[in-house]
């Protein structure tokens, strides 16, 4: 199995420290608003990676944190006249609901920053004791010059890092690049007691402390969006390495690309931020998931309405290939996933190639009967499970989406005949028969739509 390591800029053989306990940490949401499609991409990407790792190694401890200490949460609480706990609880629940709708399985651990203040304070004390941090004017700052490898993850020079981090120019800093580990809180702001006064932790520190608390000093994989490479992960790496006396912090760093909308960067200023909850009103979560997996995770993903519609049509075809075969529930664990699909995913999570293998498996399954059909369908369902797809019953997919391809050929032929019979009854002005056929089909969640070119039908939920 090979994974691309952001630190070395190469694909490397992935060999975990302990194959029975692979450790992975992915930066989760800052819970101050509803998640957008950019937040969903790492959740879906690393959900697929977790599925692949569990299949290959068996033992995986996957942690995805909740950032519930943040100035954006503070601002939202002030605007609403409530406390940060209320804001964080509401949007954590919204995040869970949206990710579940996209088929994202819960992580093994979901540490929250507010529950790890003692661990954060202890890590700061360790860093001060080692000479890697210092207290000044109610703040504690990381001493960047004390870590010679600072900048190695992002590969930026010193001036770029200072500009890119938008560092605060402050007289208490020893070096312009030094960043905050602890900062004072005003009486109106949330704060916690510490040896340096009442205050709150810096964002970067939160993840380092939670990783140490739950996964250990050195972890196998650390993931997140490309935007986190600098300064967040660069600062995490510095803290985590120095707090542990130079021990390796992360063996493999992984980052997914940005999501653009109709070829433009997604931003509030452009008004093109797409919330997952709004997209779920337009399309099934499984279609959104497939669209997110349509590009390689390291590449930018251009989101469009056409792409989402194509993802839905692709699922219609995939479920259609299962329509006359045993159901996914009946086929559980009867066959391994297609070998070429597994090989694609184990080659740095190549989901476009894996999707091509899934369609090849669907083509093999379609039209087969008996033992051969069952085996082909089982392999297709197993491959879908690795991608988080094709786990519904085909009829349920059709009922929810209005799709017809997931109905059996006999069922489609029967409905076509009934619609034709209704058309003949209407021509003969036998409206009682026409209405009876319409009502019988409606009872089966089939709606007839009459138009200038004739009558068509669709499945509705």
Foldseek 3Di string as FASTA:
>chain_A
DWAQFLLVRGIDDADAPDLQEAEEEEEADAQQDFAFLQRLLVLLLVLLVVLLSCVVRVHYQYEYEYEQDDVSLVVSCVVVVHDSVVRRVVRVVNHVVLNVLLLRDDGNYYYYLVVQPVLLLVLLVLCVVLVQWDDFPLWIWGNVVVQVCQCSSVVDDPVCQLVVVVADDDPRDPDSNIDTQWHADDPSTDFDQHPSGTTDGDPLSSVLSVCCVPPRLEHEEYEYAPVCSPPRVSVNQRSSCVSVPRPGRYNGYYHFYGEAEQPHHDDVVVVRGGGSVVVCVVDGSNLSLVLSLQAQRNDYRYDYPVSSVVSLVLLLLLLLLCQPPDWLVVLPPVEAADPQLSVCCSRNHNSNSNVVVLVVLSVQLHPDDDPSNSHSVSNSSNSQVSSSDRNDGLVVSQQAGQRDSNHHPVVVVVLVVLQVVLVVCVVVVVVVSNVVSQVVVVVVQKHWDQDPVGIDITHYD
